[in-house]
Amino acid sequence: MKRNAFSLVEVTLALGVAGISLLTIFALLPVGVRTNQLAIEQTASTDILSAVAADLRATPVTTPRGGAAVSPLFAIGIPANPVAASTMTTLFFTAQGQSAISLQTDSRYRVTITLLPNGAGARTATFVDLKATWPAAASIPDAQGVAEMFIALDRN
């Protein structure tokens, strides 16, 4: 009578293939976790930049048009047109999106708002470069991550 069963060699080979497959999968887990963390940081920083851009766009138009103003939510100073020289404002944000004008113990993101020169014409847009870096305590060149946005404000 013939019995149907696996030999010891077949069982050993099957366990070896399963072991190598599991090792490969477990080796990919840290890469997946790091990629997920990076995606979360990128999404949060983009949300913060979008909030700052919305605040700048929500700044009421001055009378006469093109005058200096301050944004309503984050109190970012917008110079009068034409903008002759770059002006920079730095804000710090927590992971929950709370802002501060100085580095706090729970600050996660540093947002640099640079209003760029826009030429000599009084009827040109106000150009703004927004850059978020993290962690907030790191200098910009030493940051782990960066997100950047460029906007043009029609203040005329």
Protein backbone atom coordinates (compact mmCIF):
# COMPACT_ATOMS: atom_id res chain seq x y z
CA MET A 1 0.00 0.00 0.00
CA LYS A 2 1.32 3.41 -1.04
CA ARG A 3 0.94 6.37 1.31
CA ASN A 4 0.61 9.96 0.12
CA ALA A 5 2.74 12.24 2.29
CA PHE A 6 5.40 14.89 2.15
CA SER A 7 8.99 13.90 2.49
CA LEU A 8 11.32 15.60 4.94
CA VAL A 9 13.15 17.28 2.03
CA GLU A 10 9.92 18.77 0.69
CA VAL A 11 8.93 20.09 4.13
CA THR A 12 12.39 21.60 4.61
CA LEU A 13 12.27 23.33 1.21
CA ALA A 14 8.77 24.68 1.87
CA LEU A 15 9.86 26.07 5.26
CA GLY A 16 12.95 27.62 3.65
CA VAL A 17 10.89 29.37 0.97
CA ALA A 18 8.39 30.57 3.59
CA GLY A 19 11.23 31.80 5.82
CA ILE A 20 12.91 33.75 3.03
CA SER A 21 9.56 35.25 2.03
CA LEU A 22 8.83 36.34 5.60
CA LEU A 23 12.31 37.84 6.01
CA THR A 24 11.81 39.87 2.83
CA ILE A 25 8.43 41.11 3.99
CA PHE A 26 9.77 42.04 7.45
CA ALA A 27 12.73 43.82 5.86
CA LEU A 28 10.30 46.03 3.93
CA LEU A 29 8.32 47.07 7.03
CA PRO A 30 10.76 49.80 8.22
CA VAL A 31 10.84 51.27 4.71
CA GLY A 32 7.04 51.34 4.63
CA VAL A 33 6.81 52.93 8.08
CA ARG A 34 9.34 55.64 7.14
CA THR A 35 7.55 56.34 3.87
CA ASN A 36 4.26 56.64 5.75
CA GLN A 37 5.80 59.08 8.26
CA LEU A 38 7.23 61.18 5.43
CA ALA A 39 3.85 61.27 3.69
CA ILE A 40 2.19 62.42 6.92
CA GLU A 41 4.79 65.21 7.35
CA GLN A 42 4.41 66.32 3.72
CA THR A 43 0.62 66.40 4.00
CA ALA A 44 0.66 68.34 7.28
CA SER A 45 3.19 70.87 5.96
CA THR A 46 1.19 71.37 2.76
CA ASP A 47 -1.96 71.93 4.83
CA ILE A 48 -0.14 74.56 6.90
CA LEU A 49 1.18 76.29 3.76
CA SER A 50 -2.33 76.29 2.31
CA ALA A 51 -3.68 77.89 5.50
CA VAL A 52 -1.00 80.62 5.36
CA ALA A 53 -1.74 81.23 1.65
CA ALA A 54 -5.47 81.45 2.40
CA ASP A 55 -4.76 83.93 5.20
CA LEU A 56 -2.68 86.11 2.88
CA ARG A 57 -5.40 85.97 0.20
CA ALA A 58 -8.06 86.86 2.81
CA THR A 59 -6.26 90.07 3.77
CA PRO A 60 -8.64 92.94 3.01
CA VAL A 61 -7.74 95.23 0.14
CA THR A 62 -6.54 98.63 1.32
CA THR A 63 -7.83 102.03 0.31
CA PRO A 64 -6.10 103.21 -1.79
CA ARG A 65 -5.40 99.84 -3.32
CA GLY A 66 -1.91 98.37 -2.96
CA GLY A 67 -1.17 99.78 0.49
CA ALA A 68 0.53 97.96 3.34
CA ALA A 69 -1.63 95.51 5.28
CA VAL A 70 -1.53 92.78 7.90
CA SER A 71 -3.10 89.37 7.36
CA PRO A 72 -6.06 88.67 9.67
CA LEU A 73 -5.16 85.26 11.12
CA PHE A 74 -1.37 85.03 11.33
CA ALA A 75 -0.61 88.81 11.40
CA ILE A 76 1.80 88.62 8.46
CA GLY A 77 2.86 92.08 7.31
CA ILE A 78 2.32 92.73 3.60
CA PRO A 79 4.27 95.77 2.35
CA ALA A 80 2.80 98.38 0.03
CA ASN A 81 3.20 97.96 -3.73
CA PRO A 82 5.65 98.12 -5.34
CA VAL A 83 7.68 95.84 -3.07
CA ALA A 84 11.23 97.12 -3.36
CA ALA A 85 13.08 94.62 -1.16
CA SER A 86 12.46 91.13 0.18
CA THR A 87 10.82 90.90 3.57
CA MET A 88 10.75 87.71 5.57
CA THR A 89 8.48 86.50 8.36
CA THR A 90 8.95 83.24 10.24
CA LEU A 91 6.16 81.37 12.00
CA PHE A 92 6.32 78.12 13.96
CA PHE A 93 3.56 75.51 13.99
CA THR A 94 2.80 72.54 16.21
CA ALA A 95 1.75 69.18 14.80
CA GLN A 96 -1.84 70.24 15.57
CA GLY A 97 -1.50 73.42 13.46
CA GLN A 98 -1.21 75.98 16.27
CA SER A 99 1.02 78.90 15.30
CA ALA A 100 3.53 80.98 17.24
CA ILE A 101 5.97 83.73 16.28
CA SER A 102 8.84 82.09 18.19
CA LEU A 103 10.13 78.55 18.58
CA GLN A 104 8.16 76.68 21.25
CA THR A 105 8.94 73.34 22.88
CA ASP A 106 6.17 71.65 20.85
CA SER A 107 6.91 73.41 17.53
CA ARG A 108 7.14 70.91 14.67
CA TYR A 109 7.22 73.09 11.53
CA ARG A 110 9.04 76.31 10.64
CA VAL A 111 7.25 78.36 7.97
CA THR A 112 9.22 81.09 6.25
CA ILE A 113 7.15 83.69 4.38
CA THR A 114 9.24 85.73 1.96
CA LEU A 115 7.61 88.63 0.11
CA LEU A 116 9.69 89.15 -2.99
CA PRO A 117 10.45 92.36 -4.92
CA ASN A 118 7.96 92.82 -7.73
CA GLY A 119 9.55 95.55 -9.82
CA ALA A 120 8.85 99.24 -9.99
CA GLY A 121 5.28 99.00 -11.26
CA ALA A 122 2.60 99.93 -8.76
CA ARG A 123 0.05 97.64 -10.46
CA THR A 124 1.99 94.38 -10.23
CA ALA A 125 1.12 91.36 -8.10
CA THR A 126 2.71 90.79 -4.70
CA PHE A 127 4.86 87.66 -4.94
CA VAL A 128 5.17 85.37 -1.93
CA ASP A 129 7.43 82.36 -1.43
CA LEU A 130 6.20 80.05 1.35
CA LYS A 131 8.54 77.36 2.69
CA ALA A 132 7.80 74.85 5.46
CA THR A 133 10.66 72.86 6.99
CA TRP A 134 10.75 70.34 9.80
CA PRO A 135 11.75 69.84 12.50
CA ALA A 136 11.24 73.45 13.50
CA ALA A 137 14.36 73.63 15.67
CA ALA A 138 16.66 72.62 12.79
CA SER A 139 18.19 75.28 10.59
CA ILE A 140 16.76 75.36 7.08
CA PRO A 141 19.76 73.60 5.44
CA ASP A 142 19.66 70.86 8.11
CA ALA A 143 15.92 70.19 7.90
CA GLN A 144 14.67 66.62 7.44
CA GLY A 145 11.96 67.72 5.04
CA VAL A 146 10.75 70.73 3.11
CA ALA A 147 7.60 71.81 1.28
CA GLU A 148 7.41 74.99 -0.77
CA MET A 149 4.64 77.03 -2.36
CA PHE A 150 4.71 80.18 -4.47
CA ILE A 151 1.71 82.52 -4.67
CA ALA A 152 0.93 85.86 -6.30
CA LEU A 153 -1.45 88.21 -4.52
CA ASP A 154 -3.51 90.75 -6.47
CA ARG A 155 -3.50 93.68 -4.06
CA ASN A 156 -4.28 96.26 -6.72
